[in-house]
Each structure stands twice: as C-alpha cells, then as structure tokens.
Amino acid sequence: KGYIEDFNLNNDNVQLSVLSDSSITLNQRTQLLAENAAIGMLLVLV
C-alpha cells in the first residue's frame, strides 16, 4: 500500500487501484479485540 501510494503520486497517466485487501479484515478484528478488552477491563474494575 505504501508502494501504491508513492506510485500514484509520481504518475498521472496510469494509476494503481486496490481491488481487495485481506489485511483490512484482520486489522478490523484486531481493533475489535482491543476495544472489547478495554471494555471488559473497565466493567470488571467498575
């Protein structure tokens, strides 16, 4: 994704467009885990 961003900045007549990205699902689930952990700790503490 860093390479795609640099390529699109340096080229006008041709562009790279992401069609699918498996890391998005993985990052979203990791974020969900972190949020649930924070909420769980807060509930236990309260």
All heavy atoms as atom14 arrays in JSON, in Angstrom:
{
  "sequence": "KGYIEDFNLNNDNVQLSVLSDSSITLNQRTQLLAENAAIGMLLVLV",
  "atom14_mask": [
    [1, 1, 1, 1, 1, 1, 1, 1, 1, 0, 0, 0, 0, 0],
    [1, 1, 1, 1, 0, 0, 0, 0, 0, 0, 0, 0, 0, 0],
    [1, 1, 1, 1, 1, 1, 1, 1, 1, 1, 1, 1, 0, 0],
    [1, 1, 1, 1, 1, 1, 1, 1, 0, 0, 0, 0, 0, 0],
    [1, 1, 1, 1, 1, 1, 1, 1, 1, 0, 0, 0, 0, 0],
    [1, 1, 1, 1, 1, 1, 1, 1, 0, 0, 0, 0, 0, 0],
    [1, 1, 1, 1, 1, 1, 1, 1, 1, 1, 1, 0, 0, 0],
    [1, 1, 1, 1, 1, 1, 1, 1, 0, 0, 0, 0, 0, 0],
    [1, 1, 1, 1, 1, 1, 1, 1, 0, 0, 0, 0, 0, 0],
    [1, 1, 1, 1, 1, 1, 1, 1, 0, 0, 0, 0, 0, 0],
    [1, 1, 1, 1, 1, 1, 1, 1, 0, 0, 0, 0, 0, 0],
    [1, 1, 1, 1, 1, 1, 1, 1, 0, 0, 0, 0, 0, 0],
    [1, 1, 1, 1, 1, 1, 1, 1, 0, 0, 0, 0, 0, 0],
    [1, 1, 1, 1, 1, 1, 1, 0, 0, 0, 0, 0, 0, 0],
    [1, 1, 1, 1, 1, 1, 1, 1, 1, 0, 0, 0, 0, 0],
    [1, 1, 1, 1, 1, 1, 1, 1, 0, 0, 0, 0, 0, 0],
    [1, 1, 1, 1, 1, 1, 0, 0, 0, 0, 0, 0, 0, 0],
    [1, 1, 1, 1, 1, 1, 1, 0, 0, 0, 0, 0, 0, 0],
    [1, 1, 1, 1, 1, 1, 1, 1, 0, 0, 0, 0, 0, 0],
    [1, 1, 1, 1, 1, 1, 0, 0, 0, 0, 0, 0, 0, 0],
    [1, 1, 1, 1, 1, 1, 1, 1, 0, 0, 0, 0, 0, 0],
    [1, 1, 1, 1, 1, 1, 0, 0, 0, 0, 0, 0, 0, 0],
    [1, 1, 1, 1, 1, 1, 0, 0, 0, 0, 0, 0, 0, 0],
    [1, 1, 1, 1, 1, 1, 1, 1, 0, 0, 0, 0, 0, 0],
    [1, 1, 1, 1, 1, 1, 1, 0, 0, 0, 0, 0, 0, 0],
    [1, 1, 1, 1, 1, 1, 1, 1, 0, 0, 0, 0, 0, 0],
    [1, 1, 1, 1, 1, 1, 1, 1, 0, 0, 0, 0, 0, 0],
    [1, 1, 1, 1, 1, 1, 1, 1, 1, 0, 0, 0, 0, 0],
    [1, 1, 1, 1, 1, 1, 1, 1, 1, 1, 1, 0, 0, 0],
    [1, 1, 1, 1, 1, 1, 1, 0, 0, 0, 0, 0, 0, 0],
    [1, 1, 1, 1, 1, 1, 1, 1, 1, 0, 0, 0, 0, 0],
    [1, 1, 1, 1, 1, 1, 1, 1, 0, 0, 0, 0, 0, 0],
    [1, 1, 1, 1, 1, 1, 1, 1, 0, 0, 0, 0, 0, 0],
    [1, 1, 1, 1, 1, 0, 0, 0, 0, 0, 0, 0, 0, 0],
    [1, 1, 1, 1, 1, 1, 1, 1, 1, 0, 0, 0, 0, 0],
    [1, 1, 1, 1, 1, 1, 1, 1, 0, 0, 0, 0, 0, 0],
    [1, 1, 1, 1, 1, 0, 0, 0, 0, 0, 0, 0, 0, 0],
    [1, 1, 1, 1, 1, 0, 0, 0, 0, 0, 0, 0, 0, 0],
    [1, 1, 1, 1, 1, 1, 1, 1, 0, 0, 0, 0, 0, 0],
    [1, 1, 1, 1, 0, 0, 0, 0, 0, 0, 0, 0, 0, 0],
    [1, 1, 1, 1, 1, 1, 1, 1, 0, 0, 0, 0, 0, 0],
    [1, 1, 1, 1, 1, 1, 1, 1, 0, 0, 0, 0, 0, 0],
    [1, 1, 1, 1, 1, 1, 1, 1, 0, 0, 0, 0, 0, 0],
    [1, 1, 1, 1, 1, 1, 1, 0, 0, 0, 0, 0, 0, 0],
    [1, 1, 1, 1, 1, 1, 1, 1, 0, 0, 0, 0, 0, 0],
    [1, 1, 1, 1, 1, 1, 1, 0, 0, 0, 0, 0, 0, 0]
  ],
  "atom14_positions": [
    [[0.83, -1.21, 0.0], [0.0, 0.0, 0.0], [0.87, 1.26, 0.0], [0.51, 2.27, -0.62], [-0.94, -0.02, 1.21], [-2.1, -0.99, 1.03], [-3.09, -0.93, 2.15], [-2.61, -1.61, 3.39], [-3.66, -1.74, 4.43], [0.0, 0.0, 0.0], [0.0, 0.0, 0.0], [0.0, 0.0, 0.0], [0.0, 0.0, 0.0], [0.0, 0.0, 0.0]],
    [[2.02, 1.2, 0.67], [2.95, 2.33, 0.6], [3.5, 2.51, -0.81], [3.64, 3.64, -1.29], [0.0, 0.0, 0.0], [0.0, 0.0, 0.0], [0.0, 0.0, 0.0], [0.0, 0.0, 0.0], [0.0, 0.0, 0.0], [0.0, 0.0, 0.0], [0.0, 0.0, 0.0], [0.0, 0.0, 0.0], [0.0, 0.0, 0.0], [0.0, 0.0, 0.0]],
    [[3.8, 1.39, -1.48], [4.29, 1.46, -2.86], [3.22, 2.02, -3.79], [3.51, 2.85, -4.66], [4.72, 0.07, -3.32], [5.2, 0.01, -4.75], [6.52, 0.27, -5.09], [4.31, -0.31, -5.79], [6.96, 0.22, -6.4], [4.73, -0.35, -7.1], [6.05, -0.09, -7.4], [6.48, -0.13, -8.71], [0.0, 0.0, 0.0], [0.0, 0.0, 0.0]],
    [[1.96, 1.58, -3.6], [0.86, 2.07, -4.43], [0.68, 3.57, -4.25], [0.48, 4.32, -5.22], [-0.43, 1.31, -4.1], [-0.33, -0.15, -4.56], [-1.64, 1.97, -4.75], [-1.5, -1.01, -4.14], [0.0, 0.0, 0.0], [0.0, 0.0, 0.0], [0.0, 0.0, 0.0], [0.0, 0.0, 0.0], [0.0, 0.0, 0.0], [0.0, 0.0, 0.0]],
    [[0.77, 4.04, -3.02], [0.6, 5.47, -2.76], [1.7, 6.29, -3.43], [1.43, 7.32, -4.05], [0.59, 5.71, -1.25], [0.32, 7.14, -0.85], [0.25, 7.32, 0.65], [0.27, 6.29, 1.37], [0.19, 8.47, 1.12], [0.0, 0.0, 0.0], [0.0, 0.0, 0.0], [0.0, 0.0, 0.0], [0.0, 0.0, 0.0], [0.0, 0.0, 0.0]],
    [[2.95, 5.82, -3.32], [4.07, 6.54, -3.97], [3.94, 6.52, -5.48], [4.22, 7.52, -6.16], [5.4, 5.92, -3.54], [5.68, 6.12, -2.05], [5.09, 7.06, -1.47], [6.47, 5.34, -1.49], [0.0, 0.0, 0.0], [0.0, 0.0, 0.0], [0.0, 0.0, 0.0], [0.0, 0.0, 0.0], [0.0, 0.0, 0.0], [0.0, 0.0, 0.0]],
    [[3.51, 5.38, -6.03], [3.37, 5.26, -7.49], [2.31, 6.23, -8.01], [2.52, 6.9, -9.02], [3.0, 3.82, -7.85], [2.95, 3.55, -9.33], [4.06, 3.07, -10.0], [1.79, 3.77, -10.06], [4.02, 2.82, -11.36], [1.74, 3.52, -11.41], [2.85, 3.05, -12.07], [0.0, 0.0, 0.0], [0.0, 0.0, 0.0], [0.0, 0.0, 0.0]],
    [[1.17, 6.31, -7.33], [0.1, 7.2, -7.78], [0.49, 8.67, -7.67], [0.03, 9.5, -8.46], [-1.17, 6.93, -6.98], [-1.79, 5.58, -7.31], [-1.55, 5.02, -8.39], [-2.58, 5.04, -6.4], [0.0, 0.0, 0.0], [0.0, 0.0, 0.0], [0.0, 0.0, 0.0], [0.0, 0.0, 0.0], [0.0, 0.0, 0.0], [0.0, 0.0, 0.0]],
    [[1.34, 9.0, -6.69], [1.8, 10.39, -6.57], [2.75, 10.77, -7.69], [2.78, 11.94, -8.12], [2.49, 10.59, -5.21], [1.57, 10.59, -3.97], [2.4, 10.68, -2.7], [0.56, 11.72, -4.04], [0.0, 0.0, 0.0], [0.0, 0.0, 0.0], [0.0, 0.0, 0.0], [0.0, 0.0, 0.0], [0.0, 0.0, 0.0], [0.0, 0.0, 0.0]],
    [[3.52, 9.82, -8.19], [4.53, 10.1, -9.2], [4.05, 9.87, -10.63], [4.8, 10.12, -11.58], [5.78, 9.25, -8.95], [6.43, 9.55, -7.61], [6.43, 10.7, -7.16], [6.97, 8.54, -6.96], [0.0, 0.0, 0.0], [0.0, 0.0, 0.0], [0.0, 0.0, 0.0], [0.0, 0.0, 0.0], [0.0, 0.0, 0.0], [0.0, 0.0, 0.0]],
    [[2.83, 9.36, -10.82], [2.32, 9.07, -12.17], [0.91, 9.63, -12.3], [0.07, 9.45, -11.4], [2.3, 7.56, -12.44], [3.7, 6.96, -12.45], [4.37, 6.92, -13.47], [4.15, 6.49, -11.28], [0.0, 0.0, 0.0], [0.0, 0.0, 0.0], [0.0, 0.0, 0.0], [0.0, 0.0, 0.0], [0.0, 0.0, 0.0], [0.0, 0.0, 0.0]],
    [[0.66, 10.29, -13.43], [-0.65, 10.87, -13.69], [-1.46, 10.07, -14.72], [-2.67, 9.93, -14.59], [-0.5, 12.31, -14.19], [0.12, 13.21, -13.13], [-0.11, 12.95, -11.94], [0.86, 14.16, -13.51], [0.0, 0.0, 0.0], [0.0, 0.0, 0.0], [0.0, 0.0, 0.0], [0.0, 0.0, 0.0], [0.0, 0.0, 0.0], [0.0, 0.0, 0.0]],
    [[-0.77, 9.53, -15.73], [-1.48, 8.84, -16.81], [-1.87, 7.42, -16.46], [-2.73, 6.82, -17.12], [-0.62, 8.84, -18.08], [0.71, 8.15, -17.85], [1.21, 8.11, -16.72], [1.29, 7.61, -18.9], [0.0, 0.0, 0.0], [0.0, 0.0, 0.0], [0.0, 0.0, 0.0], [0.0, 0.0, 0.0], [0.0, 0.0, 0.0], [0.0, 0.0, 0.0]],
    [[-1.25, 6.83, -15.45], [-1.58, 5.47, -15.03], [-1.69, 5.45, -13.51], [-0.92, 6.12, -12.81], [-0.51, 4.47, -15.53], [0.87, 4.81, -14.99], [-0.88, 3.04, -15.14], [0.0, 0.0, 0.0], [0.0, 0.0, 0.0], [0.0, 0.0, 0.0], [0.0, 0.0, 0.0], [0.0, 0.0, 0.0], [0.0, 0.0, 0.0], [0.0, 0.0, 0.0]],
    [[-2.68, 4.7, -13.01], [-2.93, 4.66, -11.58], [-3.09, 3.21, -11.11], [-3.52, 2.34, -11.87], [-4.19, 5.44, -11.22], [-4.06, 6.95, -11.45], [-3.16, 7.62, -10.43], [-3.45, 7.66, -9.25], [-2.04, 8.14, -10.9], [0.0, 0.0, 0.0], [0.0, 0.0, 0.0], [0.0, 0.0, 0.0], [0.0, 0.0, 0.0], [0.0, 0.0, 0.0]],
    [[-2.73, 2.99, -9.85], [-2.92, 1.69, -9.21], [-4.1, 1.8, -8.26], [-4.16, 2.71, -7.43], [-1.67, 1.26, -8.45], [-0.35, 1.28, -9.22], [0.78, 0.74, -8.35], [-0.45, 0.48, -10.51], [0.0, 0.0, 0.0], [0.0, 0.0, 0.0], [0.0, 0.0, 0.0], [0.0, 0.0, 0.0], [0.0, 0.0, 0.0], [0.0, 0.0, 0.0]],
    [[-5.06, 0.86, -8.38], [-6.28, 0.89, -7.57], [-6.44, -0.45, -6.86], [-6.44, -1.5, -7.51], [-7.52, 1.17, -8.44], [-7.33, 2.36, -9.21], [0.0, 0.0, 0.0], [0.0, 0.0, 0.0], [0.0, 0.0, 0.0], [0.0, 0.0, 0.0], [0.0, 0.0, 0.0], [0.0, 0.0, 0.0], [0.0, 0.0, 0.0], [0.0, 0.0, 0.0]],
    [[-6.57, -0.41, -5.54], [-6.71, -1.63, -4.75], [-8.1, -2.22, -4.96], [-9.12, -1.53, -4.8], [-6.47, -1.34, -3.25], [-6.7, -2.6, -2.42], [-5.07, -0.8, -3.03], [0.0, 0.0, 0.0], [0.0, 0.0, 0.0], [0.0, 0.0, 0.0], [0.0, 0.0, 0.0], [0.0, 0.0, 0.0], [0.0, 0.0, 0.0], [0.0, 0.0, 0.0]],
    [[-8.16, -3.5, -5.32], [-9.42, -4.2, -5.53], [-9.84, -4.99, -4.3], [-11.02, -5.03, -3.96], [-9.31, -5.14, -6.73], [-8.91, -4.5, -8.06], [-8.78, -5.56, -9.15], [-9.9, -3.43, -8.47], [0.0, 0.0, 0.0], [0.0, 0.0, 0.0], [0.0, 0.0, 0.0], [0.0, 0.0, 0.0], [0.0, 0.0, 0.0], [0.0, 0.0, 0.0]],
    [[-8.9, -5.63, -3.64], [-9.19, -6.38, -2.41], [-7.97, -6.36, -1.52], [-6.84, -6.34, -2.01], [-9.59, -7.84, -2.73], [-8.51, -8.52, -3.34], [0.0, 0.0, 0.0], [0.0, 0.0, 0.0], [0.0, 0.0, 0.0], [0.0, 0.0, 0.0], [0.0, 0.0, 0.0], [0.0, 0.0, 0.0], [0.0, 0.0, 0.0], [0.0, 0.0, 0.0]],
    [[-8.22, -6.33, -0.21], [-7.13, -6.23, 0.76], [-7.51, -7.06, 1.99], [-8.42, -6.69, 2.75], [-6.9, -4.77, 1.14], [-5.71, -4.58, 2.09], [-5.07, -5.58, 2.42], [-5.46, -3.43, 2.5], [0.0, 0.0, 0.0], [0.0, 0.0, 0.0], [0.0, 0.0, 0.0], [0.0, 0.0, 0.0], [0.0, 0.0, 0.0], [0.0, 0.0, 0.0]],
    [[-6.85, -8.2, 2.17], [-7.16, -9.09, 3.29], [-6.75, -8.49, 4.63], [-7.3, -8.88, 5.67], [-6.46, -10.44, 3.1], [-6.88, -11.07, 1.91], [0.0, 0.0, 0.0], [0.0, 0.0, 0.0], [0.0, 0.0, 0.0], [0.0, 0.0, 0.0], [0.0, 0.0, 0.0], [0.0, 0.0, 0.0], [0.0, 0.0, 0.0], [0.0, 0.0, 0.0]],
    [[-5.8, -7.57, 4.62], [-5.34, -7.0, 5.89], [-6.4, -6.11, 6.53], [-6.36, -5.87, 7.74], [-4.05, -6.2, 5.67], [-4.29, -5.06, 4.86], [0.0, 0.0, 0.0], [0.0, 0.0, 0.0], [0.0, 0.0, 0.0], [0.0, 0.0, 0.0], [0.0, 0.0, 0.0], [0.0, 0.0, 0.0], [0.0, 0.0, 0.0], [0.0, 0.0, 0.0]],
    [[-7.36, -5.6, 5.74], [-8.41, -4.75, 6.31], [-9.24, -5.54, 7.31], [-9.5, -5.08, 8.44], [-9.29, -4.18, 5.18], [-8.49, -3.22, 4.3], [-10.51, -3.46, 5.77], [-9.27, -2.66, 3.13], [0.0, 0.0, 0.0], [0.0, 0.0, 0.0], [0.0, 0.0, 0.0], [0.0, 0.0, 0.0], [0.0, 0.0, 0.0], [0.0, 0.0, 0.0]],
    [[-9.68, -6.74, 6.93], [-10.46, -7.57, 7.84], [-9.67, -7.92, 9.08], [-10.2, -7.9, 10.21], [-10.91, -8.86, 7.12], [-11.65, -8.52, 5.95], [-11.75, -9.73, 8.02], [0.0, 0.0, 0.0], [0.0, 0.0, 0.0], [0.0, 0.0, 0.0], [0.0, 0.0, 0.0], [0.0, 0.0, 0.0], [0.0, 0.0, 0.0], [0.0, 0.0, 0.0]],
    [[-8.39, -8.24, 8.9], [-7.55, -8.61, 10.03], [-7.36, -7.43, 10.98], [-7.43, -7.59, 12.21], [-6.21, -9.12, 9.51], [-5.44, -10.11, 10.39], [-6.27, -11.34, 10.66], [-4.13, -10.49, 9.73], [0.0, 0.0, 0.0], [0.0, 0.0, 0.0], [0.0, 0.0, 0.0], [0.0, 0.0, 0.0], [0.0, 0.0, 0.0], [0.0, 0.0, 0.0]],
    [[-7.12, -6.25, 10.44], [-6.95, -5.07, 11.29], [-8.25, -4.7, 12.0], [-8.23, -4.28, 13.16], [-6.46, -3.89, 10.44], [-5.01, -4.04, 10.02], [-4.2, -4.59, 10.75], [-4.67, -3.56, 8.84], [0.0, 0.0, 0.0], [0.0, 0.0, 0.0], [0.0, 0.0, 0.0], [0.0, 0.0, 0.0], [0.0, 0.0, 0.0], [0.0, 0.0, 0.0]],
    [[-9.38, -4.84, 11.31], [-10.66, -4.53, 11.94], [-10.94, -5.49, 13.11], [-11.43, -5.06, 14.17], [-11.78, -4.62, 10.91], [-11.78, -3.48, 9.9], [-12.85, -3.66, 8.83], [-13.4, -4.75, 8.65], [-13.14, -2.58, 8.11], [0.0, 0.0, 0.0], [0.0, 0.0, 0.0], [0.0, 0.0, 0.0], [0.0, 0.0, 0.0], [0.0, 0.0, 0.0]],
    [[-10.63, -6.77, 12.93], [-10.88, -7.72, 14.01], [-9.9, -7.49, 15.16], [-10.27, -7.67, 16.33], [-10.76, -9.15, 13.47], [-11.22, -10.2, 14.47], [-11.64, -11.47, 13.78], [-12.85, -11.3, 12.99], [-13.49, -12.31, 12.38], [-13.02, -13.54, 12.51], [-14.57, -12.1, 11.69], [0.0, 0.0, 0.0], [0.0, 0.0, 0.0], [0.0, 0.0, 0.0]],
    [[-8.67, -7.09, 14.85], [-7.72, -6.77, 15.91], [-8.19, -5.55, 16.71], [-8.09, -5.52, 17.94], [-6.33, -6.48, 15.31], [-5.9, -7.62, 14.54], [-5.31, -6.23, 16.41], [0.0, 0.0, 0.0], [0.0, 0.0, 0.0], [0.0, 0.0, 0.0], [0.0, 0.0, 0.0], [0.0, 0.0, 0.0], [0.0, 0.0, 0.0], [0.0, 0.0, 0.0]],
    [[-8.73, -4.56, 16.02], [-9.26, -3.39, 16.7], [-10.46, -3.75, 17.57], [-10.61, -3.25, 18.69], [-9.66, -2.33, 15.67], [-10.15, -1.03, 16.28], [-10.52, 0.0, 15.22], [-10.41, -0.26, 14.03], [-10.96, 1.17, 15.65], [0.0, 0.0, 0.0], [0.0, 0.0, 0.0], [0.0, 0.0, 0.0], [0.0, 0.0, 0.0], [0.0, 0.0, 0.0]],
    [[-11.32, -4.65, 17.07], [-12.45, -5.11, 17.85], [-11.99, -5.82, 19.11], [-12.59, -5.65, 20.2], [-13.33, -6.03, 17.0], [-14.57, -6.63, 17.68], [-15.52, -5.52, 18.12], [-15.26, -7.61, 16.75], [0.0, 0.0, 0.0], [0.0, 0.0, 0.0], [0.0, 0.0, 0.0], [0.0, 0.0, 0.0], [0.0, 0.0, 0.0], [0.0, 0.0, 0.0]],
    [[-10.94, -6.63, 19.0], [-10.39, -7.32, 20.17], [-9.89, -6.32, 21.2], [-10.15, -6.46, 22.4], [-9.26, -8.25, 19.72], [-8.44, -8.92, 20.84], [-9.33, -9.86, 21.65], [-7.25, -9.67, 20.26], [0.0, 0.0, 0.0], [0.0, 0.0, 0.0], [0.0, 0.0, 0.0], [0.0, 0.0, 0.0], [0.0, 0.0, 0.0], [0.0, 0.0, 0.0]],
    [[-9.17, -5.3, 20.75], [-8.64, -4.28, 21.68], [-9.77, -3.52, 22.36], [-9.72, -3.26, 23.57], [-7.72, -3.33, 20.93], [0.0, 0.0, 0.0], [0.0, 0.0, 0.0], [0.0, 0.0, 0.0], [0.0, 0.0, 0.0], [0.0, 0.0, 0.0], [0.0, 0.0, 0.0], [0.0, 0.0, 0.0], [0.0, 0.0, 0.0], [0.0, 0.0, 0.0]],
    [[-10.82, -3.18, 21.6], [-11.94, -2.46, 22.2], [-12.67, -3.33, 23.22], [-13.04, -2.85, 24.3], [-12.9, -2.02, 21.09], [-12.33, -0.95, 20.17], [-13.26, -0.64, 19.01], [-14.29, -1.33, 18.89], [-12.96, 0.3, 18.23], [0.0, 0.0, 0.0], [0.0, 0.0, 0.0], [0.0, 0.0, 0.0], [0.0, 0.0, 0.0], [0.0, 0.0, 0.0]],
    [[-12.88, -4.61, 22.89], [-13.56, -5.5, 23.83], [-12.73, -5.69, 25.09], [-13.27, -5.8, 26.21], [-13.83, -6.85, 23.17], [-15.0, -6.79, 22.21], [-15.59, -5.73, 22.01], [-15.32, -7.9, 21.59], [0.0, 0.0, 0.0], [0.0, 0.0, 0.0], [0.0, 0.0, 0.0], [0.0, 0.0, 0.0], [0.0, 0.0, 0.0], [0.0, 0.0, 0.0]],
    [[-11.41, -5.78, 24.93], [-10.53, -5.94, 26.1], [-10.62, -4.72, 27.01], [-10.7, -4.84, 28.24], [-9.1, -6.17, 25.64], [0.0, 0.0, 0.0], [0.0, 0.0, 0.0], [0.0, 0.0, 0.0], [0.0, 0.0, 0.0], [0.0, 0.0, 0.0], [0.0, 0.0, 0.0], [0.0, 0.0, 0.0], [0.0, 0.0, 0.0], [0.0, 0.0, 0.0]],
    [[-10.62, -3.54, 26.4], [-10.7, -2.31, 27.21], [-12.05, -2.22, 27.93], [-12.11, -1.88, 29.13], [-10.49, -1.1, 26.31], [0.0, 0.0, 0.0], [0.0, 0.0, 0.0], [0.0, 0.0, 0.0], [0.0, 0.0, 0.0], [0.0, 0.0, 0.0], [0.0, 0.0, 0.0], [0.0, 0.0, 0.0], [0.0, 0.0, 0.0], [0.0, 0.0, 0.0]],
    [[-13.14, -2.55, 27.21], [-14.46, -2.51, 27.84], [-14.57, -3.56, 28.94], [-15.12, -3.3, 30.02], [-15.55, -2.71, 26.77], [-15.56, -1.54, 25.78], [-16.93, -2.85, 27.42], [-16.48, -1.73, 24.6], [0.0, 0.0, 0.0], [0.0, 0.0, 0.0], [0.0, 0.0, 0.0], [0.0, 0.0, 0.0], [0.0, 0.0, 0.0], [0.0, 0.0, 0.0]],
    [[-14.03, -4.76, 28.68], [-14.08, -5.82, 29.69], [-13.33, -5.44, 30.96], [-13.82, -5.66, 32.07], [0.0, 0.0, 0.0], [0.0, 0.0, 0.0], [0.0, 0.0, 0.0], [0.0, 0.0, 0.0], [0.0, 0.0, 0.0], [0.0, 0.0, 0.0], [0.0, 0.0, 0.0], [0.0, 0.0, 0.0], [0.0, 0.0, 0.0], [0.0, 0.0, 0.0]],
    [[-12.14, -4.88, 30.81], [-11.38, -4.45, 31.98], [-12.11, -3.36, 32.75], [-12.14, -3.35, 33.98], [-9.99, -3.96, 31.55], [-9.06, -5.05, 31.03], [-7.49, -4.39, 30.45], [-6.86, -3.64, 31.96], [0.0, 0.0, 0.0], [0.0, 0.0, 0.0], [0.0, 0.0, 0.0], [0.0, 0.0, 0.0], [0.0, 0.0, 0.0], [0.0, 0.0, 0.0]],
    [[-12.74, -2.45, 31.99], [-13.46, -1.35, 32.65], [-14.67, -1.87, 33.43], [-14.92, -1.45, 34.57], [-13.91, -0.35, 31.59], [-14.67, 0.89, 32.1], [-13.78, 1.7, 33.05], [-15.15, 1.75, 30.95], [0.0, 0.0, 0.0], [0.0, 0.0, 0.0], [0.0, 0.0, 0.0], [0.0, 0.0, 0.0], [0.0, 0.0, 0.0], [0.0, 0.0, 0.0]],
    [[-15.41, -2.83, 32.83], [-16.57, -3.39, 33.52], [-16.16, -4.13, 34.78], [-16.81, -4.01, 35.84], [-17.33, -4.32, 32.58], [-18.07, -3.65, 31.41], [-18.67, -4.7, 30.49], [-19.16, -2.72, 31.93], [0.0, 0.0, 0.0], [0.0, 0.0, 0.0], [0.0, 0.0, 0.0], [0.0, 0.0, 0.0], [0.0, 0.0, 0.0], [0.0, 0.0, 0.0]],
    [[-15.1, -4.94, 34.67], [-14.61, -5.66, 35.85], [-14.19, -4.69, 36.94], [-14.51, -4.86, 38.13], [-13.43, -6.59, 35.46], [-12.74, -7.14, 36.71], [-13.91, -7.72, 34.58], [0.0, 0.0, 0.0], [0.0, 0.0, 0.0], [0.0, 0.0, 0.0], [0.0, 0.0, 0.0], [0.0, 0.0, 0.0], [0.0, 0.0, 0.0], [0.0, 0.0, 0.0]],
    [[-13.46, -3.66, 36.54], [-12.97, -2.68, 37.52], [-14.12, -1.94, 38.19], [-14.13, -1.76, 39.43], [-12.04, -1.69, 36.82], [-11.27, -0.7, 37.71], [-10.37, -1.44, 38.67], [-10.46, 0.26, 36.85], [0.0, 0.0, 0.0], [0.0, 0.0, 0.0], [0.0, 0.0, 0.0], [0.0, 0.0, 0.0], [0.0, 0.0, 0.0], [0.0, 0.0, 0.0]],
    [[-15.14, -1.55, 37.43], [-16.25, -0.77, 37.99], [-17.12, -1.63, 38.9], [-17.41, -1.26, 40.06], [-17.09, -0.15, 36.85], [-18.39, 0.45, 37.41], [-16.29, 0.9, 36.12], [0.0, 0.0, 0.0], [0.0, 0.0, 0.0], [0.0, 0.0, 0.0], [0.0, 0.0, 0.0], [0.0, 0.0, 0.0], [0.0, 0.0, 0.0], [0.0, 0.0, 0.0]]
  ]
}
